[in-house]
Amino acid sequence: MSSHIGTVARKEFEDAGRSKLLWALIGLLVGFVAIGYVGIWFADDEATAAEVLTFVGLPLQIIIPIAALIAGYMAVVGERRSGSIKLLLGLPPNRTDVVFGKLLGRMAVIGTAVVLAFLVSLVLGAALFGSVPFADWFGFAAVSVLFGLTFTGLAVGVSAGVSTRGRAMAVVVGIYILLVGLWELVTAGPYYLIYDEGPPVEAETWYLLVEQLNPIAAYTTLMNTVVEGQMDVIMFRFGLEDFEAMTMTPAERYAGDAPFFLQDWFSAVVLLLWLLVPVAIGYYRFQNADL
C-alpha cells in the first residue's frame, strides 16, 4: 500500500471525528441497538438473546446503508466542490492515493460505528438477558460490518465518479430507492410480462440470480445463516411475487441442488461486488476527469 494512501485515510478518519460525523453515526447505531434491546426486554421477558439479535437486525437493514451512504457520498466530490482537490493533488498524494485513502478512511468511520454498536449489544445482551450467544453475535457483527463497508464503497465510488454534490446525492438516493422501493417491480415485473404470472416459489434460475444481487437481500441471507431465527428483507412490495417466496432464500427456491451462484455463501460475493465495482468505476472516471 502506498504510504500516501495511509496518510489520506488517517486524515479522513481524524476529520470525521472532529466534524462530529463519526459521533453522529455512532449515536445513531448505538441508539437503535439500545432501544431495540431495552424495548424487547420490556415487551417480552421470555425472549432470548439470540432472538433479540434477529429483531435488532431488521432496523439495521435500513440504518446501516443510510449511515454509510451519508458518510461516503461527499468523500471525493466534496474536495472537488470546494476546490481543495487541486491543493491536495499538488502535494505528494496522487489521484490513486486520494480515492483509496478516502475509501479506507470512510470505511474506518463506518466500521467503528458498527463495531461500537455491537459492543453495546454485547453488554446489553449479558445485562438484560443473562447470556450472549457469542458465535451468533460475532457472526452478526462481522456480516453487519461487511454490509456497512459495502455501502461505504458504493458511496465513495459514486463520489469519485461524479463532478458535483447534486449528482452524487441523486445517484446514491436513486440506488437506495431502487434497492428498497423498486426492486420487486424491476425484477418481478419483467417476469410477469414474460410468463404472464408473477414469480412462483420455484421461479426460473435467471430470476433467482437477479434476486440474489440485491445487497440488502444478500445481507439478510447471510444473517439467517449465522443467527438463530428468521430475518426477512425490508423492502416495498407490489404483490407481484408469491408471498411464501418472500421468506425463502434463492437456494431454498431452487428445485434440486442449487448452483453456486444461488447458494447462501454467494451472498458474501454479492456484497463484495457492490463494494468493488462502484469503486473501480469511480476510480476510472476520477483518473480521467478534468479537474
Foldseek 3Di string as FASTA:
>chain_A
DDPLLQVLLVVLQVVCVVVCLLVVLLCVLLVLLVCLLVVCLVVPVPDALLVSLQVSVQCLLVSLLVSLLVLAQQQQLVCLVVVVVVVVCVDPDHLVSSLSSSLNNSLVSSLVSLVSSLVSSQVSNCVRRVDHPVQLSVLLSVLSSLLNSLSNLLNSLLNLQDNHSVSSVVVSVVVVCCLAENVCCVQQVVVCVVVVAGAELQGDPVSLLSVLLRLSLLSQLSSPVRGPDFHFRHHDDDPRYDPVNRRDFSCVSHPDGDPPSRDSVVSSVSSVCSNPVSSVNSSVNNVPDDD
